[in-house]
């Protein structure tokens, strides 16, 4: 594991205790952690995947709209939080490591530490309820 700022380490620790799915990336978009509730949606344990570059995880999860069309990065909440450094929310489809497409709601926000240090971004997500 790479060296991370204390805020990222503490957030990772907090996420490991929460029941909501959480996905954390560093300032370059590298996946640094997702928690156990996220594992159920993503289809694989974090211990099995480890850290992944943005090119890897965006290819694996294949974010799409309802019709299955690939989403542009500026339409994916996590990428908006990372690139524009602002909070956002959206609904999208992802394909897990297990090959299952899932409809999720996602709320993402930039992670900013003391002295205004940009540390990456966080997304909280959950399965969207069927109508």
Protein backbone atom coordinates (compact mmCIF):
# COMPACT_ATOMS: atom_id res chain seq x y z
CA UNK A 1 0.00 0.00 0.00
CA UNK A 2 1.26 3.47 -0.88
CA UNK A 3 1.79 6.23 1.68
CA UNK A 4 -1.38 8.29 2.20
CA UNK A 5 -2.24 11.45 4.07
CA UNK A 6 -3.65 10.87 7.55
CA UNK A 7 -7.12 12.03 6.43
CA UNK A 8 -7.25 9.28 3.79
CA UNK A 9 -6.06 6.69 6.29
CA UNK A 10 -8.72 7.78 8.78
CA UNK A 11 -11.44 7.85 6.12
CA UNK A 12 -10.50 4.34 5.06
CA UNK A 13 -10.74 3.24 8.70
CA UNK A 14 -14.13 4.94 9.12
CA UNK A 15 -15.42 3.40 5.86
CA UNK A 16 -14.48 -0.06 7.12
CA UNK A 17 -16.95 0.42 10.02
CA UNK A 18 -19.87 1.82 8.02
CA UNK A 19 -22.76 -0.12 6.48
CA UNK A 20 -22.97 2.10 3.38
CA UNK A 21 -20.89 1.27 0.29
CA UNK A 22 -17.91 3.61 -0.04
CA UNK A 23 -15.24 3.91 -2.78
CA UNK A 24 -12.16 6.14 -2.24
CA UNK A 25 -9.72 7.43 -4.89
CA UNK A 26 -6.54 9.50 -4.59
CA UNK A 27 -5.94 12.78 -6.49
CA UNK A 28 -4.89 10.86 -9.63
CA UNK A 29 -8.09 8.78 -9.52
CA UNK A 30 -6.37 5.61 -8.33
CA UNK A 31 -8.73 3.44 -6.33
CA UNK A 32 -7.27 3.20 -2.83
CA UNK A 33 -10.11 1.41 -1.01
CA UNK A 34 -13.69 0.22 -1.05
CA UNK A 35 -15.43 -1.24 1.96
CA UNK A 36 -17.25 -4.53 2.56
CA UNK A 37 -20.75 -3.19 1.70
CA UNK A 38 -19.30 -1.98 -1.63
CA UNK A 39 -17.86 -5.45 -2.25
CA UNK A 40 -21.37 -6.89 -2.43
CA UNK A 41 -22.28 -4.45 -5.22
CA UNK A 42 -18.93 -4.50 -7.04
CA UNK A 43 -18.74 -8.29 -7.03
CA UNK A 44 -15.29 -8.81 -5.52
CA UNK A 45 -13.49 -8.20 -2.23
CA UNK A 46 -11.06 -5.28 -2.10
CA UNK A 47 -8.36 -7.63 -0.85
CA UNK A 48 -8.68 -9.48 -4.17
CA UNK A 49 -8.46 -6.39 -6.37
CA UNK A 50 -6.19 -4.04 -4.47
CA UNK A 51 -5.51 -0.59 -5.82
CA UNK A 52 -6.49 0.12 -9.43
CA UNK A 53 -5.77 2.97 -11.82
CA UNK A 54 -8.72 5.00 -13.14
CA UNK A 55 -8.29 3.32 -16.54
CA UNK A 56 -8.62 -0.10 -14.88
CA UNK A 57 -11.63 0.54 -12.67
CA UNK A 58 -13.56 2.58 -15.25
CA UNK A 59 -13.07 -0.27 -17.75
CA UNK A 60 -14.03 -2.97 -15.26
CA UNK A 61 -17.19 -1.26 -14.00
CA UNK A 62 -18.23 0.11 -17.41
CA UNK A 63 -20.50 2.94 -16.22
CA UNK A 64 -23.47 3.31 -18.57
CA UNK A 65 -26.82 5.04 -18.80
CA UNK A 66 -30.14 3.20 -18.66
CA UNK A 67 -29.90 2.25 -22.35
CA UNK A 68 -26.43 0.76 -21.87
CA UNK A 69 -24.57 3.62 -23.57
CA UNK A 70 -21.14 4.31 -22.02
CA UNK A 71 -21.07 7.43 -19.88
CA UNK A 72 -18.59 10.19 -20.55
CA UNK A 73 -16.30 10.86 -17.56
CA UNK A 74 -18.07 14.16 -16.85
CA UNK A 75 -21.32 12.19 -16.32
CA UNK A 76 -19.87 9.85 -13.68
CA UNK A 77 -20.30 11.39 -10.19
CA UNK A 78 -16.92 10.20 -8.90
CA UNK A 79 -15.09 11.72 -11.88
CA UNK A 80 -16.96 15.02 -11.46
CA UNK A 81 -15.89 15.17 -7.79
CA UNK A 82 -12.33 14.31 -8.77
CA UNK A 83 -11.93 16.55 -11.82
CA UNK A 84 -14.19 19.50 -10.94
CA UNK A 85 -13.69 19.24 -7.18
CA UNK A 86 -17.38 19.59 -6.43
CA UNK A 87 -20.01 17.34 -4.93
CA UNK A 88 -22.52 15.72 -7.25
CA UNK A 89 -25.14 12.99 -7.39
CA UNK A 90 -26.29 10.73 -10.19
CA UNK A 91 -27.92 7.50 -11.23
CA UNK A 92 -26.01 5.05 -13.44
CA UNK A 93 -25.50 1.40 -14.27
CA UNK A 94 -22.28 -0.44 -13.54
CA UNK A 95 -21.09 -3.94 -14.27
CA UNK A 96 -19.50 -5.68 -11.29
CA UNK A 97 -16.52 -8.02 -11.34
CA UNK A 98 -19.11 -10.80 -11.29
CA UNK A 99 -20.52 -9.60 -14.65
CA UNK A 100 -23.85 -8.46 -13.14
CA UNK A 101 -25.20 -5.06 -14.23
CA UNK A 102 -26.52 -3.05 -11.32
CA UNK A 103 -28.44 0.22 -11.22
CA UNK A 104 -26.92 2.47 -8.57
CA UNK A 105 -27.37 5.92 -7.09
CA UNK A 106 -24.07 7.64 -6.33
CA UNK A 107 -23.17 10.73 -4.35
CA UNK A 108 -19.56 11.84 -4.73
CA UNK A 109 -17.55 14.63 -3.15
CA UNK A 110 -13.95 15.82 -3.24
CA UNK A 111 -11.78 14.95 -0.27
CA UNK A 112 -10.08 18.10 1.00
CA UNK A 113 -7.71 18.02 3.96
CA UNK A 114 -6.36 20.66 6.27
CA UNK A 115 -4.73 23.65 4.59
CA UNK A 116 -6.96 23.03 1.56
CA UNK A 117 -4.95 19.99 0.40
CA UNK A 118 -6.77 18.05 -2.32
CA UNK A 119 -6.62 14.38 -1.32
CA UNK A 120 -8.89 12.72 -3.87
CA UNK A 121 -12.59 11.92 -3.93
CA UNK A 122 -15.14 9.69 -2.26
CA UNK A 123 -18.33 8.16 -3.59
CA UNK A 124 -21.14 6.73 -1.49
CA UNK A 125 -23.42 4.53 -3.54
CA UNK A 126 -26.30 2.12 -3.18
CA UNK A 127 -28.50 -0.05 -5.33
CA UNK A 128 -31.35 1.90 -6.85
CA UNK A 129 -34.73 0.57 -5.83
CA UNK A 130 -36.80 -0.90 -8.64
CA UNK A 131 -40.06 0.98 -9.34
